[in-house]
Every structure is written in C-alpha cells, then in structure tokens.
C-alpha cells in the first residue's frame, strides 16, 4: 500500500505542514490496519535544495512524525521509506536509524534513483540492502519521472536483479505503471529479465 505524498512533508520546518502531513498519513494507516497489506510505503520527501541548512531539524521532525505513525500502524505491517529526491542514502539511513524499529525499512524506487541519485546503483544498494523490503519498478530517461514501462528508459534492470540474486535479496516487486499498456508491457519485460538473470 502507498501512503499519500503530494504536497506533504513529514520533516517540514513549518509546523502546520507537519500537522497536515501527519493527519493524511494517519488516515492511510487506519485503512492499512483494516486491509492488512505487507507494507505501507511513505515518501519522506527530503529535498536537499530546501532543507540542507536545516537537516538536523528536518530529521528530528520526521522522526517524531514517523514514531507517531509507527505507534498507530499494525505491528505486523512494514513501514517503508521510499527514495524520492534523494541524491544518496544518507538522510534515509539516518532517519531509519533514529527510529530504530525492526519493521522500518526501505522501498527502492528505480525511476527516482535514475532521476536524482549522484552515486552508482551498487553503492546505493550496498547501503540499504539489509533493510530493503520492496522495489518500485518503472523507467525513464533520467530527466523526468515519466513512469515508462520497464525497459523503455535507461534504468539498468539487469544490474539490479543480478545484484539481488548475488546477495540473496527477495523484495516485494511492484510495477508502478501509469497506464494499462505500460503495465502489460512492463510485466512482460520483467519476466524476460528475471528468466535471464535467474
């Protein structure tokens, strides 16, 4: 399950923004507690352009938001942080460490990585592999969050799945298609990649 994310910031410096964010997140949690998904994915929405000078304050605010979320979320459900504008894993790892609850992990988003990461894929995965629970699969050309079908952009899917195989990591795989056509096309390409790698 995916929590709401548009215009929300769990670590915002402005208290009213955090309040609205928490309210929206808690509504999603109440639904999750009924539906019982394996995981709920949240966008921390860290943005170094906005918050770099206030990183410690942002992290403390985000920590408090997600501790409140964790208290309300069914303990059998994973609480996952998804990379969005992150250039590297530093803030995501610091946020997870500050909460330090076993069921808190990561959802790796391939399209966001391609658009925003400044470090290589292997380095990123090496940093998060022990807490990697889910992967959002979609593609782009590295300039916009296009949500193209798997294989229609520049993301190195063979490299990703080879890494997962070599490290015996078996996350939830979610195809994030924005059209039925891209879903069908992406599923076919994913099967082809998996057969090739495994």
Protein backbone atom coordinates (compact mmCIF):
# COMPACT_ATOMS: atom_id res chain seq x y z
CA UNK A 1 0.00 0.00 0.00
CA UNK A 2 1.18 3.53 -0.73
CA UNK A 3 0.53 6.44 1.63
CA UNK A 4 -0.42 9.87 0.22
CA UNK A 5 2.50 12.09 -0.72
CA UNK A 6 1.56 15.13 -2.79
CA UNK A 7 2.47 18.43 -1.06
CA UNK A 8 3.31 16.59 2.17
CA UNK A 9 6.48 16.78 4.24
CA UNK A 10 6.87 14.78 7.47
CA UNK A 11 10.01 16.71 8.41
CA UNK A 12 8.85 20.18 7.34
CA UNK A 13 10.18 23.13 9.30
CA UNK A 14 6.69 24.68 9.22
CA UNK A 15 4.61 23.03 11.96
CA UNK A 16 1.29 23.40 10.14
CA UNK A 17 2.66 21.43 7.17
CA UNK A 18 3.77 18.63 9.51
CA UNK A 19 0.35 18.62 11.14
CA UNK A 20 -1.45 18.17 7.81
CA UNK A 21 1.08 15.52 6.77
CA UNK A 22 0.54 13.53 9.96
CA UNK A 23 -3.22 13.79 9.56
CA UNK A 24 -3.06 12.42 5.99
CA UNK A 25 -0.63 9.66 6.98
CA UNK A 26 -2.80 8.57 9.91
CA UNK A 27 -5.81 8.24 7.59
CA UNK A 28 -3.75 5.91 5.41
CA UNK A 29 -2.68 3.96 8.49
CA UNK A 30 -6.30 3.48 9.55
CA UNK A 31 -7.04 1.96 6.12
CA UNK A 32 -3.91 -0.19 6.26
CA UNK A 33 -4.92 -1.57 9.64
CA UNK A 34 -8.12 -2.83 8.01
CA UNK A 35 -6.64 -4.10 4.73
CA UNK A 36 -3.51 -5.63 6.33
CA UNK A 37 -1.02 -5.11 3.45
CA UNK A 38 2.51 -6.43 3.85
CA UNK A 39 3.84 -2.88 3.83
CA UNK A 40 2.91 0.78 3.69
CA UNK A 41 5.26 2.99 1.68
CA UNK A 42 5.85 6.60 2.72
CA UNK A 43 7.67 9.42 0.93
CA UNK A 44 9.88 11.20 3.47
CA UNK A 45 10.24 13.89 0.77
CA UNK A 46 13.67 15.00 1.90
CA UNK A 47 14.87 17.67 -0.52
CA UNK A 48 18.42 18.93 -0.08
CA UNK A 49 17.62 22.12 -2.02
CA UNK A 50 15.03 23.07 0.60
CA UNK A 51 16.37 21.60 3.82
CA UNK A 52 20.14 21.22 3.58
CA UNK A 53 20.78 24.04 6.07
CA UNK A 54 18.16 22.56 8.43
CA UNK A 55 18.98 18.86 8.04
CA UNK A 56 19.13 18.05 11.76
CA UNK A 57 15.86 19.86 12.47
CA UNK A 58 14.21 18.19 9.48
CA UNK A 59 15.37 14.76 10.67
CA UNK A 60 14.10 15.33 14.21
CA UNK A 61 10.74 16.47 12.87
CA UNK A 62 10.49 13.49 10.52
CA UNK A 63 11.49 11.13 13.33
CA UNK A 64 8.68 12.43 15.54
CA UNK A 65 6.15 12.14 12.70
CA UNK A 66 7.07 8.54 11.93
CA UNK A 67 7.22 7.49 15.57
CA UNK A 68 3.57 8.59 15.81
CA UNK A 69 2.81 6.65 12.62
CA UNK A 70 4.57 3.56 13.97
CA UNK A 71 2.55 3.70 17.19
CA UNK A 72 -0.71 3.52 15.22
CA UNK A 73 0.33 1.11 12.44
CA UNK A 74 -0.36 -2.60 12.96
CA UNK A 75 2.98 -4.06 14.18
CA UNK A 76 2.77 -6.82 11.55
CA UNK A 77 2.95 -4.26 8.72
CA UNK A 78 6.28 -2.94 7.42
CA UNK A 79 6.74 0.84 7.46
CA UNK A 80 8.87 1.69 4.44
CA UNK A 81 10.68 4.86 3.36
CA UNK A 82 10.91 5.44 -0.39
CA UNK A 83 13.71 7.39 -2.03
CA UNK A 84 12.33 10.37 -3.93
CA UNK A 85 14.62 13.40 -4.44
CA UNK A 86 17.47 11.75 -2.54
CA UNK A 87 20.89 12.13 -4.13
CA UNK A 88 22.30 9.43 -1.85
CA UNK A 89 21.20 7.25 1.05
CA UNK A 90 22.47 9.40 3.94
CA UNK A 91 19.22 11.02 5.12
CA UNK A 92 17.16 7.87 4.58
CA UNK A 93 19.61 5.84 6.67
CA UNK A 94 19.80 8.49 9.39
CA UNK A 95 16.01 8.62 9.55
CA UNK A 96 15.69 4.85 9.83
CA UNK A 97 18.44 4.69 12.45
CA UNK A 98 16.81 7.44 14.52
CA UNK A 99 13.58 5.43 14.71
CA UNK A 100 15.39 2.12 15.16
CA UNK A 101 12.39 -0.20 14.90
CA UNK A 102 12.96 -3.55 13.21
CA UNK A 103 9.98 -3.34 10.83
CA UNK A 104 11.09 0.04 9.44
CA UNK A 105 12.82 -0.43 6.10
CA UNK A 106 13.14 0.86 2.56
CA UNK A 107 11.30 0.81 -0.71
CA UNK A 108 13.78 1.41 -3.54
CA UNK A 109 12.27 3.35 -6.45
CA UNK A 110 14.10 2.77 -9.73
CA UNK A 111 12.76 5.84 -11.53
CA UNK A 112 13.52 8.23 -8.69
CA UNK A 113 17.01 6.77 -8.39
CA UNK A 114 17.67 7.37 -12.08
CA UNK A 115 16.47 10.97 -11.88
CA UNK A 116 18.13 12.11 -8.67
CA UNK A 117 20.94 9.83 -7.45
CA UNK A 118 24.51 11.07 -7.66
CA UNK A 119 26.01 7.71 -6.57
CA UNK A 120 26.19 4.41 -8.50
CA UNK A 121 23.47 1.79 -8.17
CA UNK A 122 25.71 -0.76 -6.42
CA UNK A 123 26.79 1.77 -3.80
CA UNK A 124 23.17 2.70 -3.12
CA UNK A 125 22.10 -0.93 -2.78
CA UNK A 126 25.11 -1.79 -0.61
CA UNK A 127 23.98 0.87 1.87
CA UNK A 128 20.33 -0.24 2.15
CA UNK A 129 20.40 -3.97 1.39
CA UNK A 130 19.80 -5.15 4.97
CA UNK A 131 16.59 -3.12 5.15
CA UNK A 132 15.37 -3.47 1.54
CA UNK A 133 11.79 -4.77 1.64
CA UNK A 134 10.22 -3.52 -1.59
CA UNK A 135 11.13 -2.17 -5.03
CA UNK A 136 9.03 0.11 -7.23
CA UNK A 137 9.75 -0.73 -10.85
CA UNK A 138 9.37 1.86 -13.59
CA UNK A 139 11.63 3.59 -16.08
CA UNK A 140 12.52 6.99 -17.50
CA UNK A 141 15.21 8.76 -19.49
CA UNK A 142 16.84 10.35 -16.43
CA UNK A 143 15.21 13.75 -16.74
CA UNK A 144 11.57 13.34 -15.62
CA UNK A 145 9.54 10.93 -13.51
CA UNK A 146 7.86 9.52 -16.61
CA UNK A 147 6.82 6.11 -15.25
CA UNK A 148 7.67 4.43 -18.53
CA UNK A 149 7.37 0.69 -18.91
CA UNK A 150 10.31 -1.37 -17.66
CA UNK A 151 12.95 -1.35 -20.39
CA UNK A 152 11.70 1.77 -22.17
CA UNK A 153 14.16 4.07 -20.41
CA UNK A 154 17.71 4.00 -19.07
CA UNK A 155 17.47 2.21 -15.72
CA UNK A 156 19.85 -0.82 -15.56
CA UNK A 157 17.35 -3.53 -14.55
CA UNK A 158 19.72 -6.41 -15.34
CA UNK A 159 22.28 -4.89 -12.97
CA UNK A 160 19.64 -4.51 -10.27
CA UNK A 161 18.39 -8.09 -10.44
CA UNK A 162 21.89 -9.51 -10.75
CA UNK A 163 22.75 -7.68 -7.51
CA UNK A 164 19.62 -9.00 -5.80
CA UNK A 165 20.42 -12.55 -6.89
CA UNK A 166 24.07 -12.37 -5.80
CA UNK A 167 23.04 -11.02 -2.38
CA UNK A 168 20.04 -13.37 -1.91
CA UNK A 169 17.61 -10.46 -1.55
CA UNK A 170 13.97 -11.18 -2.40
CA UNK A 171 11.94 -7.97 -2.00
CA UNK A 172 8.33 -7.24 -2.93
CA UNK A 173 8.26 -6.18 -6.59
CA UNK A 174 5.71 -3.52 -7.54
CA UNK A 175 5.35 -2.37 -11.14
CA UNK A 176 4.42 1.33 -10.94
CA UNK A 177 2.75 1.78 -14.30
CA UNK A 178 0.53 4.77 -15.04
CA UNK A 179 -1.30 3.05 -17.88
CA UNK A 180 -2.60 -0.45 -18.59
CA UNK A 181 -0.41 -0.58 -21.69
CA UNK A 182 2.76 0.12 -19.67
CA UNK A 183 1.70 -2.39 -17.02
CA UNK A 184 1.31 -5.19 -19.54
CA UNK A 185 4.49 -4.21 -21.38
CA UNK A 186 6.43 -3.87 -18.13
CA UNK A 187 5.25 -7.21 -16.80
CA UNK A 188 6.37 -8.94 -19.98
CA UNK A 189 9.79 -7.26 -19.85
CA UNK A 190 10.17 -8.06 -16.15
CA UNK A 191 9.51 -11.76 -16.79
CA UNK A 192 12.11 -11.69 -19.56
CA UNK A 193 14.72 -10.08 -17.27
CA UNK A 194 14.00 -12.47 -14.40
CA UNK A 195 14.28 -15.51 -16.67
CA UNK A 196 17.57 -14.20 -17.99
CA UNK A 197 19.09 -13.40 -14.57
CA UNK A 198 17.71 -16.34 -12.57
